[in-house]
Protein backbone atom coordinates (compact mmCIF):
# COMPACT_ATOMS: atom_id res chain seq x y z
CA MET A 1 118.54 108.69 113.46
CA SER A 2 116.70 110.49 110.66
CA MET A 3 117.25 110.21 106.95
CA ASN A 4 119.55 112.59 105.06
CA ALA A 5 117.46 115.73 104.33
CA THR A 6 118.48 116.00 100.66
CA SER A 7 117.75 112.34 99.97
CA ALA A 8 114.39 112.59 101.73
CA ALA A 9 113.48 115.75 99.80
CA VAL A 10 114.38 114.25 96.42
CA ALA A 11 112.62 110.97 97.13
CA GLY A 12 109.57 112.78 98.52
CA ALA A 13 109.27 115.10 95.53
CA VAL A 14 109.58 112.20 93.08
CA THR A 15 107.05 110.18 95.10
CA PHE A 16 104.42 112.93 94.94
CA LEU A 17 105.16 113.52 91.25
CA TRP A 18 104.44 109.81 90.72
CA VAL A 19 101.17 110.06 92.70
CA GLY A 20 100.08 113.00 90.56
CA MET A 21 100.84 111.18 87.33
CA VAL A 22 98.87 108.09 88.36
CA LEU A 23 95.91 110.19 89.50
CA ALA A 24 95.91 112.27 86.31
CA ILE A 25 96.25 109.40 83.88
CA SER A 26 94.48 106.49 85.55
CA PHE A 27 91.64 108.35 87.19
CA ILE A 28 91.07 111.29 84.83
CA GLU A 29 92.42 110.64 81.32
CA ALA A 30 91.63 106.95 80.98
CA PRO A 31 87.92 107.04 81.82
CA LEU A 32 87.29 110.32 80.00
CA LYS A 33 88.89 109.22 76.72
CA PHE A 34 86.05 106.78 76.03
CA ARG A 35 83.47 109.54 76.48
CA ALA A 36 84.99 111.80 73.82
CA PRO A 37 82.97 112.08 70.62
CA GLY A 38 84.10 109.67 67.91
CA VAL A 39 86.39 107.59 70.11
CA THR A 40 85.60 103.96 69.39
CA ILE A 41 86.67 101.06 71.61
CA PRO A 42 89.57 100.14 69.27
CA VAL A 43 90.79 103.77 69.09
CA GLY A 44 90.47 104.18 72.86
CA LEU A 45 92.32 100.92 73.46
CA GLY A 46 95.10 101.95 71.09
CA ILE A 47 95.50 105.31 72.80
CA GLY A 48 95.28 103.73 76.25
CA ARG A 49 97.96 101.18 75.48
CA MET A 50 100.35 103.89 74.32
CA VAL A 51 99.62 106.15 77.29
CA PHE A 52 99.92 103.37 79.88
CA ARG A 53 103.07 101.95 78.27
CA ALA A 54 104.64 105.40 78.60
CA LEU A 55 103.32 105.87 82.16
CA ASN A 56 104.64 102.47 83.22
CA ARG A 57 108.10 103.22 81.81
CA VAL A 58 108.14 106.54 83.67
CA GLU A 59 106.98 104.75 86.84
CA ILE A 60 109.92 102.36 86.61
CA GLY A 61 112.24 105.34 86.24
CA LEU A 62 110.66 107.19 89.16
CA ALA A 63 110.85 104.06 91.33
CA SER A 64 114.55 103.77 90.47
CA VAL A 65 115.19 107.39 91.46
CA ILE A 66 113.34 106.87 94.76
CA VAL A 67 115.28 103.68 95.55
CA VAL A 68 118.64 105.35 94.87
CA ALA A 69 117.77 108.54 96.78
CA VAL A 70 116.57 106.57 99.78
CA ALA A 71 119.44 104.06 99.68
CA VAL A 72 122.04 106.82 99.98
CA GLY A 73 120.04 108.64 102.65
CA ASP A 74 120.21 106.19 105.59
CA PRO A 75 116.48 105.35 105.60
CA GLN A 76 114.36 104.12 108.47
CA ALA A 77 112.88 100.62 108.30
CA GLY A 78 109.33 101.88 107.70
CA THR A 79 110.46 103.79 104.62
CA VAL A 80 112.18 100.72 103.22
CA VAL A 81 109.05 98.64 103.82
CA LEU A 82 106.87 101.19 102.01
CA ILE A 83 109.25 101.24 99.06
CA GLY A 84 109.06 97.44 98.97
CA VAL A 85 105.26 97.56 98.99
CA VAL A 86 105.20 100.07 96.12
CA ALA A 87 107.75 98.04 94.15
CA VAL A 88 105.78 94.80 94.58
CA LEU A 89 102.51 96.48 93.61
CA LEU A 90 104.10 97.94 90.47
CA ALA A 91 105.81 94.67 89.54
CA VAL A 92 102.64 92.58 89.88
CA GLN A 93 100.59 95.21 88.11
CA LEU A 94 102.96 95.21 85.13
CA ALA A 95 103.93 91.55 85.00
CA VAL A 96 100.50 90.04 85.64
CA VAL A 97 97.58 92.45 85.34
CA ARG A 98 98.80 94.65 82.50
CA ARG A 99 100.12 91.63 80.56
CA ARG A 100 96.63 90.06 80.72
CA LEU A 101 95.01 93.33 79.68
CA ASN A 102 97.38 93.59 76.72
CA ARG A 103 96.52 90.06 75.56
CA ARG A 104 92.84 90.86 75.81
CA SER A 105 93.15 94.17 73.99
CA ASP A 106 95.13 92.39 71.23
CA ARG A 107 92.12 90.16 70.71
CA VAL A 108 89.65 93.07 70.74
CA LEU A 109 91.81 95.02 68.29
CA ALA A 110 91.89 91.92 66.06
CA GLY A 111 88.10 92.11 65.87
CA GLU A 112 87.00 89.56 68.46
CA GLN A 113 83.82 90.29 70.39
CA LEU A 114 84.61 89.46 74.01
CA PRO A 115 82.44 89.63 77.14
CA ARG A 116 83.26 92.27 79.74
CA SER A 117 86.39 91.60 81.71
CA ARG A 118 87.35 92.22 85.33
CA GLY A 119 90.92 92.95 84.28
CA HIS A 120 90.44 96.70 84.43
CA VAL A 121 88.90 96.40 87.88
CA TYR A 122 92.06 94.63 89.09
CA TYR A 123 94.23 97.27 87.42
CA VAL A 124 92.27 100.06 89.14
CA GLY A 125 92.56 98.19 92.45
CA PHE A 126 96.33 98.11 92.05
CA GLU A 127 96.32 101.82 91.12
CA ILE A 128 94.37 102.67 94.28
CA ALA A 129 96.70 100.55 96.44
CA LYS A 130 99.73 102.10 94.74
CA VAL A 131 98.46 105.66 95.30
CA LEU A 132 97.81 104.89 98.98
CA ALA A 133 101.26 103.29 99.42
CA LEU A 134 102.97 106.14 97.56
CA THR A 135 101.13 108.73 99.66
CA ALA A 136 102.20 106.95 102.85
CA LEU A 137 105.76 106.83 101.50
CA GLY A 138 105.70 110.53 100.64
CA VAL A 139 104.40 111.44 104.08
CA SER A 140 107.07 109.28 105.75
CA LEU A 141 109.75 110.96 103.63
CA ALA A 142 108.42 114.43 104.50
CA ALA A 143 108.67 113.52 108.19
CA ALA A 144 112.23 112.15 107.78
């Protein structure tokens, strides 16, 4: 049995919107901001925190829309698993990785000189995994 076409279309569209937002912000805006003339580390961190806080709130909203659309659409097990993977990736990214990055950026913004951190590497790793899982989810929804 296949998923309800309307539910699959809504969830698929929202999924690919989410992919686009992550690609645009995490892989284009974030690295380029620090290359702009006059953008210091504290200014870049301040901007980045605001942008990622907004992105993360939107991601939670998009995840909620996807969950509801799929739940009412009689999903296949693979789709449910992919949603679970995306949800776990987002939850760990926000609760663990981003929380650590925020604590570190608080210290940098307070004037501390800290050695380089691997925190951003972990964040990017989660972003890559999330984009791959979301793309797989979107493809599964398009095939539903």
